[in-house]
Amino acid sequence: MRTSWILANTLGWTLGGFIGSIALFKTLFTVYFVIGLLAYGLLFGMLNGAITGVFLIKIIKEQQ
């Protein structure tokens, strides 16, 4: 009786921990994914802005 209770308890803890870790991993993955997207967007925006700025300066200098 006691052995099956320990076994059931262990199995429950293992399954619970497994499901919990998957849920945690999914949450962390989502957070990192969003942060990565934001960082990528920021980097791309900065590059885009720098290129646009260089072209604008060239055009303004040619106008004068």
N, C-alpha and C. Protein backbone atom coordinates (compact mmCIF):
# COMPACT_ATOMS: atom_id res chain seq x y z
N MET A 1 0.83 -1.20 0.00
CA MET A 1 0.00 0.00 0.00
C MET A 1 0.87 1.26 0.00
N ARG A 2 1.85 1.27 0.93
CA ARG A 2 2.70 2.44 1.06
C ARG A 2 3.55 2.64 -0.20
N THR A 3 4.06 1.56 -0.77
CA THR A 3 4.91 1.67 -1.96
C THR A 3 4.14 2.25 -3.14
N SER A 4 2.92 1.81 -3.34
CA SER A 4 2.12 2.33 -4.45
C SER A 4 1.80 3.81 -4.23
N TRP A 5 1.61 4.20 -2.95
CA TRP A 5 1.34 5.61 -2.63
C TRP A 5 2.55 6.47 -2.97
N ILE A 6 3.75 5.97 -2.59
CA ILE A 6 5.01 6.68 -2.89
C ILE A 6 5.20 6.77 -4.40
N LEU A 7 4.92 5.65 -5.08
CA LEU A 7 5.05 5.60 -6.53
C LEU A 7 4.11 6.60 -7.19
N ALA A 8 2.86 6.62 -6.74
CA ALA A 8 1.86 7.53 -7.30
C ALA A 8 2.26 8.98 -7.03
N ASN A 9 2.77 9.23 -5.83
CA ASN A 9 3.20 10.57 -5.45
C ASN A 9 4.36 11.02 -6.33
N THR A 10 5.35 10.13 -6.49
CA THR A 10 6.52 10.43 -7.32
C THR A 10 6.12 10.71 -8.75
N LEU A 11 5.22 9.84 -9.26
CA LEU A 11 4.74 10.00 -10.63
C LEU A 11 4.01 11.33 -10.78
N GLY A 12 3.19 11.66 -9.79
CA GLY A 12 2.45 12.93 -9.81
C GLY A 12 3.40 14.12 -9.81
N TRP A 13 4.40 14.07 -8.92
CA TRP A 13 5.37 15.16 -8.85
C TRP A 13 6.14 15.30 -10.16
N THR A 14 6.55 14.15 -10.73
CA THR A 14 7.32 14.16 -11.98
C THR A 14 6.50 14.76 -13.11
N LEU A 15 5.24 14.28 -13.23
CA LEU A 15 4.36 14.79 -14.29
C LEU A 15 4.07 16.27 -14.08
N GLY A 16 3.79 16.63 -12.83
CA GLY A 16 3.51 18.03 -12.50
C GLY A 16 4.70 18.92 -12.82
N GLY A 17 5.88 18.44 -12.44
CA GLY A 17 7.10 19.20 -12.70
C GLY A 17 7.37 19.33 -14.20
N PHE A 18 7.11 18.23 -14.92
CA PHE A 18 7.31 18.21 -16.36
C PHE A 18 6.39 19.22 -17.05
N ILE A 19 5.09 19.15 -16.69
CA ILE A 19 4.11 20.08 -17.28
C ILE A 19 4.44 21.52 -16.89
N GLY A 20 4.82 21.69 -15.61
CA GLY A 20 5.17 23.03 -15.13
C GLY A 20 6.38 23.59 -15.86
N SER A 21 7.39 22.74 -16.08
CA SER A 21 8.59 23.22 -16.77
C SER A 21 8.29 23.55 -18.22
N ILE A 22 7.40 22.78 -18.85
CA ILE A 22 7.00 23.07 -20.23
C ILE A 22 6.29 24.42 -20.29
N ALA A 23 5.37 24.63 -19.33
CA ALA A 23 4.63 25.89 -19.28
C ALA A 23 5.59 27.06 -19.07
N LEU A 24 6.55 26.87 -18.15
CA LEU A 24 7.53 27.91 -17.85
C LEU A 24 8.39 28.18 -19.08
N PHE A 25 8.82 27.10 -19.74
CA PHE A 25 9.66 27.23 -20.93
C PHE A 25 8.92 27.99 -22.02
N LYS A 26 7.62 27.64 -22.20
CA LYS A 26 6.82 28.33 -23.21
C LYS A 26 6.71 29.81 -22.90
N THR A 27 6.48 30.13 -21.62
CA THR A 27 6.37 31.53 -21.20
C THR A 27 7.69 32.26 -21.45
N LEU A 28 8.79 31.64 -21.01
CA LEU A 28 10.12 32.24 -21.20
C LEU A 28 10.42 32.41 -22.68
N PHE A 29 10.09 31.38 -23.47
CA PHE A 29 10.34 31.43 -24.90
C PHE A 29 9.58 32.59 -25.53
N THR A 30 8.30 32.74 -25.12
CA THR A 30 7.48 33.84 -25.64
C THR A 30 8.09 35.18 -25.28
N VAL A 31 8.52 35.31 -24.02
CA VAL A 31 9.13 36.57 -23.55
C VAL A 31 10.39 36.87 -24.36
N TYR A 32 11.27 35.86 -24.49
CA TYR A 32 12.50 36.06 -25.24
C TYR A 32 12.22 36.36 -26.71
N PHE A 33 11.19 35.70 -27.26
CA PHE A 33 10.82 35.91 -28.66
C PHE A 33 10.38 37.36 -28.87
N VAL A 34 9.53 37.86 -27.95
CA VAL A 34 9.04 39.24 -28.05
C VAL A 34 10.20 40.22 -27.90
N ILE A 35 11.08 39.98 -26.91
CA ILE A 35 12.25 40.85 -26.70
C ILE A 35 13.14 40.83 -27.94
N GLY A 36 13.33 39.63 -28.51
CA GLY A 36 14.14 39.49 -29.72
C GLY A 36 13.56 40.27 -30.88
N LEU A 37 12.24 40.17 -31.03
CA LEU A 37 11.56 40.90 -32.11
C LEU A 37 11.73 42.40 -31.92
N LEU A 38 11.56 42.86 -30.68
CA LEU A 38 11.70 44.29 -30.38
C LEU A 38 13.12 44.76 -30.67
N ALA A 39 14.10 43.97 -30.22
CA ALA A 39 15.50 44.33 -30.44
C ALA A 39 15.81 44.36 -31.93
N TYR A 40 15.30 43.36 -32.67
CA TYR A 40 15.52 43.29 -34.11
C TYR A 40 14.89 44.49 -34.79
N GLY A 41 13.66 44.83 -34.38
CA GLY A 41 12.96 45.98 -34.94
C GLY A 41 13.71 47.27 -34.67
N LEU A 42 14.25 47.38 -33.45
CA LEU A 42 15.00 48.58 -33.06
C LEU A 42 16.27 48.70 -33.91
N LEU A 43 16.99 47.58 -34.03
CA LEU A 43 18.22 47.55 -34.81
C LEU A 43 17.95 47.91 -36.27
N PHE A 44 16.91 47.28 -36.82
CA PHE A 44 16.54 47.51 -38.21
C PHE A 44 16.13 48.97 -38.41
N GLY A 45 15.36 49.50 -37.45
CA GLY A 45 14.92 50.89 -37.51
C GLY A 45 16.10 51.85 -37.47
N MET A 46 17.09 51.53 -36.60
CA MET A 46 18.27 52.38 -36.50
C MET A 46 19.07 52.36 -37.80
N LEU A 47 19.25 51.17 -38.37
CA LEU A 47 19.96 51.05 -39.64
C LEU A 47 19.24 51.82 -40.74
N ASN A 48 17.92 51.62 -40.79
CA ASN A 48 17.10 52.28 -41.78
C ASN A 48 17.20 53.80 -41.63
N GLY A 49 17.14 54.25 -40.37
CA GLY A 49 17.23 55.68 -40.08
C GLY A 49 18.59 56.24 -40.49
N ALA A 50 19.65 55.48 -40.21
CA ALA A 50 21.00 55.93 -40.55
C ALA A 50 21.16 56.06 -42.06
N ILE A 51 20.68 55.04 -42.80
CA ILE A 51 20.78 55.07 -44.26
C ILE A 51 19.98 56.24 -44.82
N THR A 52 18.74 56.40 -44.32
CA THR A 52 17.90 57.51 -44.77
C THR A 52 18.56 58.84 -44.46
N GLY A 53 19.15 58.95 -43.26
CA GLY A 53 19.83 60.18 -42.86
C GLY A 53 20.99 60.51 -43.78
N VAL A 54 21.79 59.51 -44.12
CA VAL A 54 22.93 59.71 -45.01
C VAL A 54 22.46 60.20 -46.38
N PHE A 55 21.41 59.56 -46.91
CA PHE A 55 20.87 59.96 -48.21
C PHE A 55 20.31 61.38 -48.16
N LEU A 56 19.61 61.71 -47.06
CA LEU A 56 19.04 63.05 -46.91
C LEU A 56 20.14 64.10 -46.88
N ILE A 57 21.22 63.81 -46.13
CA ILE A 57 22.34 64.75 -46.05
C ILE A 57 22.97 64.94 -47.43
N LYS A 58 23.14 63.84 -48.18
CA LYS A 58 23.69 63.92 -49.54
C LYS A 58 22.81 64.80 -50.42
N ILE A 59 21.50 64.58 -50.36
CA ILE A 59 20.56 65.34 -51.19
C ILE A 59 20.60 66.82 -50.81
N ILE A 60 20.61 67.10 -49.50
CA ILE A 60 20.64 68.50 -49.05
C ILE A 60 21.93 69.17 -49.50
N LYS A 61 23.06 68.46 -49.40
CA LYS A 61 24.35 69.04 -49.81
C LYS A 61 24.37 69.30 -51.31
N GLU A 62 23.77 68.41 -52.09
CA GLU A 62 23.72 68.59 -53.54
C GLU A 62 22.82 69.77 -53.92
N GLN A 63 21.80 70.00 -53.12
CA GLN A 63 20.87 71.11 -53.39
C GLN A 63 21.58 72.45 -53.23
N GLN A 64 22.48 72.53 -52.26
CA GLN A 64 23.21 73.78 -52.02
C GLN A 64 24.36 73.89 -52.97
